[in-house]
Amino acid sequence: MTTVQANKIDVGIESFGADDAPLVLLVGSPTMLSWPDALCERLAAGGRRVVRYDLRDSGASTTADPQAPAYTLRDLAADAEALVDALGGRPAHLAGIGVGGMVAQVAVLDHPGAFSALTLVGTRAVAPGPPDDDLPDHDQAAMGQLFTRPMPDWADREAVADFAAAGALILGDDPAAARATAARVWDRTPGTAPPVQLANQIGTVFAALDCTPRWRERLPGIGVPTLVVHGRRDRFFPVGNGEALAREIPGARLLVLEEAATAIPAASVGEIAQAMLTLG
């Protein structure tokens, strides 16, 4: 892991594969660790240079004030383009998961020359907040359980890991994998202040981020090969959101993971990697 300068900020990255191979850039949600090691390794074994990175206010990227970000969704999209240029990988296959998928959609729309392919995992075509009437909202019973729990002591690594594992159970994800990832995220978080920990562990910065203007109506203008991956059991962004993306992006392929929820499960890594490698 290291940092590079892109769009006048420091961006935390980790690279897999040969530096001269075609670039696959993985947008964090919000940290790079939302992308499993095994998936990065499988893509690299398939002849790609894989770079996963932290969004602003997370991981090793520039952290300022996650409660009042002085940047917008468009700036995060511009970060992706600038990072491709800093890495010398234009045009790159761009992939986003969760809120990182929102960044990826806008990046491809705003900077089409920088990207050759697009993968969207467990995301939707509208900003955080109430969705469009035709899109399924978060599972309200699960959200009630998820967001009414007492917060952990953010200075206690094990308590934070346990908190993440309990959240994974509510969402239908693997609690052991969530616990391990949360501990790694904690190790990389610059401080134990609750706002910074929340931004790294839960991505709460998006609640304060300016995500206007809308971009859903522009999706038919995406002109690169696109893969949409979604868990059938996703309670955070139910699968109808992925189905809408696949309908509205010309020629997009929809890959529904029947046993998956919100996170990428270990059992699906091979299938996702193969689909991404086929895309470009």
Protein backbone atom coordinates (compact mmCIF):
# COMPACT_ATOMS: atom_id res chain seq x y z
CA MET A 1 0.00 0.00 0.00
CA THR A 2 1.15 3.53 -0.76
CA THR A 3 -0.22 6.96 -1.64
CA VAL A 4 -0.17 8.88 -4.91
CA GLN A 5 -1.02 12.47 -5.73
CA ALA A 6 -4.16 12.86 -7.86
CA ASN A 7 -6.47 15.84 -8.25
CA LYS A 8 -4.41 17.75 -5.64
CA ILE A 9 -4.99 15.19 -2.87
CA ASP A 10 -3.26 12.11 -1.50
CA VAL A 11 -4.96 8.88 -2.54
CA GLY A 12 -4.29 5.64 -0.69
CA ILE A 13 -3.84 2.76 -3.14
CA GLU A 14 -2.80 -0.88 -3.26
CA SER A 15 -1.63 -2.53 -6.49
CA PHE A 16 -1.74 -6.14 -7.71
CA GLY A 17 -0.25 -7.53 -10.92
CA ALA A 18 2.20 -6.20 -13.50
CA ASP A 19 2.56 -2.44 -13.85
CA ASP A 20 2.33 -2.65 -17.66
CA ALA A 21 -0.89 -4.71 -17.74
CA PRO A 22 -4.31 -3.15 -18.54
CA LEU A 23 -5.57 -1.23 -15.51
CA VAL A 24 -8.61 -2.18 -13.45
CA LEU A 25 -9.35 0.60 -10.94
CA LEU A 26 -11.49 -0.35 -7.94
CA VAL A 27 -13.32 2.48 -6.15
CA GLY A 28 -13.60 1.96 -2.39
CA SER A 29 -16.86 2.03 -0.44
CA PRO A 30 -15.43 4.00 1.24
CA THR A 31 -12.10 2.19 1.83
CA MET A 32 -10.23 -0.04 -0.59
CA LEU A 33 -10.87 -3.02 1.70
CA SER A 34 -14.46 -3.23 0.49
CA TRP A 35 -12.84 -5.11 -2.43
CA PRO A 36 -11.73 -8.59 -1.25
CA ASP A 37 -8.07 -9.51 -1.55
CA ALA A 38 -9.05 -12.70 -3.38
CA LEU A 39 -10.88 -10.81 -6.12
CA CYS A 40 -7.93 -8.47 -6.65
CA GLU A 41 -5.61 -11.47 -6.87
CA ARG A 42 -7.85 -13.31 -9.34
CA LEU A 43 -8.05 -10.27 -11.62
CA ALA A 44 -4.27 -9.83 -11.45
CA ALA A 45 -3.81 -13.53 -12.31
CA GLY A 46 -5.99 -12.86 -15.35
CA GLY A 47 -3.45 -10.41 -16.71
CA ARG A 48 -4.65 -7.14 -15.22
CA ARG A 49 -3.01 -4.44 -13.16
CA VAL A 50 -5.46 -4.03 -10.29
CA VAL A 51 -5.45 -0.91 -8.14
CA ARG A 52 -7.93 -0.48 -5.31
CA TYR A 53 -8.13 2.86 -3.55
CA ASP A 54 -9.60 4.75 -0.60
CA LEU A 55 -12.07 7.57 -1.14
CA ARG A 56 -11.36 10.92 0.47
CA ASP A 57 -11.79 10.98 4.26
CA SER A 58 -11.01 7.27 4.51
CA GLY A 59 -7.98 5.01 4.82
CA ALA A 60 -4.73 6.55 3.65
CA SER A 61 -6.39 9.18 1.46
CA THR A 62 -6.60 12.82 2.48
CA THR A 63 -8.78 13.21 5.59
CA ALA A 64 -10.16 16.62 6.54
CA ASP A 65 -13.64 16.84 8.05
CA PRO A 66 -15.91 13.89 7.20
CA GLN A 67 -18.87 15.63 8.85
CA ALA A 68 -18.63 18.61 6.48
CA PRO A 69 -16.86 17.53 3.29
CA ALA A 70 -15.56 20.44 1.21
CA TYR A 71 -15.98 18.42 -1.99
CA THR A 72 -18.80 16.84 -3.98
CA LEU A 73 -19.64 13.57 -5.69
CA ARG A 74 -18.34 15.18 -8.89
CA ASP A 75 -14.98 15.77 -7.19
CA LEU A 76 -14.80 12.10 -6.23
CA ALA A 77 -15.51 11.21 -9.86
CA ALA A 78 -12.73 13.57 -10.96
CA ASP A 79 -10.41 11.84 -8.46
CA ALA A 80 -10.97 8.57 -10.34
CA GLU A 81 -10.02 10.14 -13.67
CA ALA A 82 -6.98 11.86 -12.15
CA LEU A 83 -5.87 8.60 -10.56
CA VAL A 84 -6.02 6.79 -13.92
CA ASP A 85 -3.71 9.46 -15.35
CA ALA A 86 -1.39 9.37 -12.34
CA LEU A 87 -1.07 5.61 -12.79
CA GLY A 88 -0.57 5.89 -16.55
CA GLY A 89 -3.47 3.53 -17.21
CA ARG A 90 -5.85 5.41 -19.54
CA PRO A 91 -8.32 4.06 -20.53
CA ALA A 92 -9.06 1.87 -17.50
CA HIS A 93 -11.74 -0.57 -16.49
CA LEU A 94 -13.48 1.22 -13.59
CA ALA A 95 -15.35 -0.71 -10.91
CA GLY A 96 -17.36 0.66 -8.00
CA ILE A 97 -19.09 -1.08 -5.10
CA GLY A 98 -21.84 0.41 -2.92
CA VAL A 99 -21.43 4.18 -2.72
CA GLY A 100 -18.28 3.69 -4.79
CA GLY A 101 -20.60 2.53 -7.55
CA MET A 102 -22.22 5.96 -7.54
CA VAL A 103 -18.78 7.52 -7.92
CA ALA A 104 -18.02 5.14 -10.79
CA GLN A 105 -21.24 5.95 -12.67
CA VAL A 106 -20.61 9.68 -12.52
CA ALA A 107 -16.92 9.24 -13.40
CA VAL A 108 -17.73 7.35 -16.60
CA LEU A 109 -20.42 9.87 -17.53
CA ASP A 110 -18.30 12.95 -16.81
CA HIS A 111 -14.94 11.61 -18.04
CA PRO A 112 -15.72 9.03 -20.74
CA GLY A 113 -12.28 9.18 -22.34
CA ALA A 114 -10.61 7.87 -19.19
CA PHE A 115 -12.48 4.56 -19.04
CA SER A 116 -12.86 1.51 -21.26
CA ALA A 117 -15.28 -0.58 -19.20
CA LEU A 118 -17.50 -0.29 -16.11
CA THR A 119 -18.43 -2.72 -13.34
CA LEU A 120 -21.06 -1.78 -10.76
CA VAL A 121 -21.51 -3.95 -7.66
CA GLY A 122 -24.35 -3.60 -5.14
CA THR A 123 -25.20 -0.01 -5.96
CA ARG A 124 -27.99 2.12 -7.41
CA ALA A 125 -28.61 4.94 -9.87
CA VAL A 126 -29.54 7.67 -7.37
CA ALA A 127 -27.75 9.38 -4.50
CA PRO A 128 -28.03 8.40 -0.82
CA GLY A 129 -31.40 9.31 0.62
CA PRO A 130 -34.93 8.52 -0.58
CA PRO A 131 -34.82 6.63 -3.91
CA ASP A 132 -36.97 7.23 -6.97
CA ASP A 133 -40.49 5.82 -6.66
CA ASP A 134 -39.73 2.92 -9.01
CA LEU A 135 -36.61 1.82 -7.11
CA PRO A 136 -36.75 -0.38 -3.99
CA ASP A 137 -35.62 1.35 -0.80
CA HIS A 138 -33.54 -0.17 1.97
CA ASP A 139 -35.20 -3.03 3.84
CA GLN A 140 -36.75 -1.03 6.66
CA ALA A 141 -36.77 -3.84 9.22
CA ALA A 142 -33.07 -4.46 8.67
CA MET A 143 -32.29 -0.73 8.77
CA GLY A 144 -34.17 -0.41 12.04
CA GLN A 145 -31.99 -3.09 13.59
CA LEU A 146 -28.82 -1.75 11.98
CA PHE A 147 -29.08 1.88 12.97
CA THR A 148 -30.64 1.64 16.44
CA ARG A 149 -27.73 -0.29 17.94
CA PRO A 150 -25.51 1.49 20.47
CA MET A 151 -22.22 2.65 19.00
CA PRO A 152 -19.06 0.84 20.10
CA ASP A 153 -16.07 2.42 21.79
CA TRP A 154 -14.27 3.52 18.64
CA ALA A 155 -10.92 3.37 20.46
CA ASP A 156 -11.45 -0.36 21.08
CA ARG A 157 -10.44 -2.36 18.01
CA GLU A 158 -12.22 -5.53 19.09
CA ALA A 159 -15.42 -3.70 19.97
CA VAL A 160 -15.46 -2.11 16.51
CA ALA A 161 -14.86 -5.48 14.86
CA ASP A 162 -17.69 -7.04 16.91
CA PHE A 163 -19.99 -4.16 15.91
CA ALA A 164 -19.24 -4.83 12.24
CA ALA A 165 -19.85 -8.56 12.64
CA ALA A 166 -23.24 -7.93 14.24
CA GLY A 167 -24.16 -5.57 11.41
CA ALA A 168 -23.19 -8.21 8.85
CA LEU A 169 -25.57 -10.68 10.50
CA ILE A 170 -28.41 -8.19 10.12
CA LEU A 171 -27.58 -7.62 6.45
CA GLY A 172 -27.10 -11.30 5.67
CA ASP A 173 -23.33 -11.08 5.12
CA ASP A 174 -20.56 -13.24 6.58
CA PRO A 175 -19.90 -11.97 10.13
CA ALA A 176 -16.41 -13.48 10.32
CA ALA A 177 -15.35 -11.76 7.10
CA ALA A 178 -16.92 -8.48 8.27
CA ARG A 179 -15.12 -8.70 11.62
CA ALA A 180 -11.75 -9.27 9.93
CA THR A 181 -12.26 -6.44 7.46
CA ALA A 182 -13.39 -4.00 10.15
CA ALA A 183 -10.27 -4.74 12.17
CA ARG A 184 -8.10 -4.04 9.13
CA VAL A 185 -10.03 -0.82 8.43
CA TRP A 186 -9.54 0.22 12.08
CA ASP A 187 -5.80 -0.34 11.73
CA ARG A 188 -5.72 2.02 8.74
CA THR A 189 -8.03 4.71 10.13
CA PRO A 190 -6.21 7.95 11.02
CA GLY A 191 -7.46 8.27 14.61
CA THR A 192 -10.23 6.98 16.84
CA ALA A 193 -12.46 10.09 16.80
CA PRO A 194 -16.02 8.86 16.21
CA PRO A 195 -16.65 10.95 13.03
CA VAL A 196 -13.48 9.60 11.42
CA GLN A 197 -14.20 6.01 12.47
CA LEU A 198 -17.79 6.30 11.21
CA ALA A 199 -16.58 7.65 7.88
CA ASN A 200 -14.16 4.74 7.50
CA GLN A 201 -16.35 1.93 8.82
CA ILE A 202 -19.79 3.01 7.58
CA GLY A 203 -19.20 5.69 4.95
CA THR A 204 -21.28 8.31 6.74
CA VAL A 205 -19.55 11.11 4.82
CA PHE A 206 -22.06 10.44 2.01
CA ALA A 207 -24.87 11.70 4.25
CA ALA A 208 -23.25 15.15 4.13
CA LEU A 209 -21.99 15.02 0.54
CA ASP A 210 -23.41 17.15 -2.27
CA CYS A 211 -24.47 14.58 -4.88
CA THR A 212 -26.35 16.92 -7.21
CA PRO A 213 -27.20 17.08 -10.03
CA ARG A 214 -28.96 13.78 -10.69
CA TRP A 215 -27.30 11.39 -13.12
CA ARG A 216 -29.82 8.57 -13.59
CA GLU A 217 -31.31 10.17 -16.69
CA ARG A 218 -27.83 10.18 -18.27
CA LEU A 219 -27.27 6.43 -17.93
CA PRO A 220 -28.31 5.70 -21.56
CA GLY A 221 -25.28 7.80 -22.55
CA ILE A 222 -22.80 5.31 -21.06
CA GLY A 223 -20.96 3.92 -24.07
CA VAL A 224 -18.54 1.41 -22.53
CA PRO A 225 -19.14 -2.30 -21.86
CA THR A 226 -20.84 -2.57 -18.47
CA LEU A 227 -21.30 -5.34 -15.93
CA VAL A 228 -23.85 -4.97 -13.11
CA VAL A 229 -23.38 -7.36 -10.18
CA HIS A 230 -25.96 -7.58 -7.40
CA GLY A 231 -26.77 -9.91 -4.53
CA ARG A 232 -30.26 -11.39 -4.62
CA ARG A 233 -30.42 -11.04 -0.81
CA ASP A 234 -29.12 -7.47 -0.60
CA ARG A 235 -31.13 -5.66 2.08
CA PHE A 236 -29.30 -2.35 1.81
CA PHE A 237 -29.71 -1.77 -1.93
CA PRO A 238 -32.28 -4.44 -2.93
CA VAL A 239 -31.69 -6.21 -6.22
CA GLY A 240 -34.24 -4.10 -8.10
CA ASN A 241 -31.68 -1.30 -8.05
CA GLY A 242 -29.19 -3.43 -9.97
CA GLU A 243 -31.89 -4.55 -12.38
CA ALA A 244 -32.71 -0.90 -13.12
CA LEU A 245 -29.06 -0.09 -13.81
CA ALA A 246 -28.79 -3.01 -16.22
CA ARG A 247 -31.97 -1.92 -18.05
CA GLU A 248 -30.92 1.69 -18.41
CA ILE A 249 -27.26 1.29 -19.42
CA PRO A 250 -27.12 0.17 -23.07
CA GLY A 251 -25.95 -3.41 -23.49
CA ALA A 252 -25.21 -3.92 -19.78
CA ARG A 253 -24.92 -7.47 -18.49
CA LEU A 254 -26.65 -8.27 -15.19
CA LEU A 255 -25.04 -10.88 -12.93
CA VAL A 256 -27.28 -11.71 -9.95
CA LEU A 257 -25.57 -13.62 -7.16
CA GLU A 258 -28.35 -15.77 -5.77
CA GLU A 259 -26.78 -16.40 -2.34
CA ALA A 260 -25.14 -12.99 -1.84
CA ALA A 261 -26.31 -10.02 0.20
CA THR A 262 -24.44 -6.68 0.43
CA ALA A 263 -20.76 -7.67 0.55
CA ILE A 264 -18.91 -9.78 -2.04
CA PRO A 265 -18.87 -13.33 -0.60
CA ALA A 266 -15.81 -15.54 -0.97
CA ALA A 267 -17.86 -18.09 -2.92
CA SER A 268 -18.63 -15.52 -5.66
CA VAL A 269 -15.10 -14.18 -6.25
CA GLY A 270 -14.33 -16.52 -9.14
CA GLU A 271 -17.60 -15.82 -10.96
CA ILE A 272 -17.21 -12.05 -10.59
CA ALA A 273 -13.57 -12.11 -11.66
CA GLN A 274 -14.36 -14.12 -14.78
CA ALA A 275 -17.19 -11.77 -15.72
CA MET A 276 -14.96 -8.71 -15.24
CA LEU A 277 -12.11 -10.24 -17.26
CA THR A 278 -14.51 -11.04 -20.08
CA LEU A 279 -15.74 -7.45 -20.06
CA GLY A 280 -12.28 -6.01 -20.68
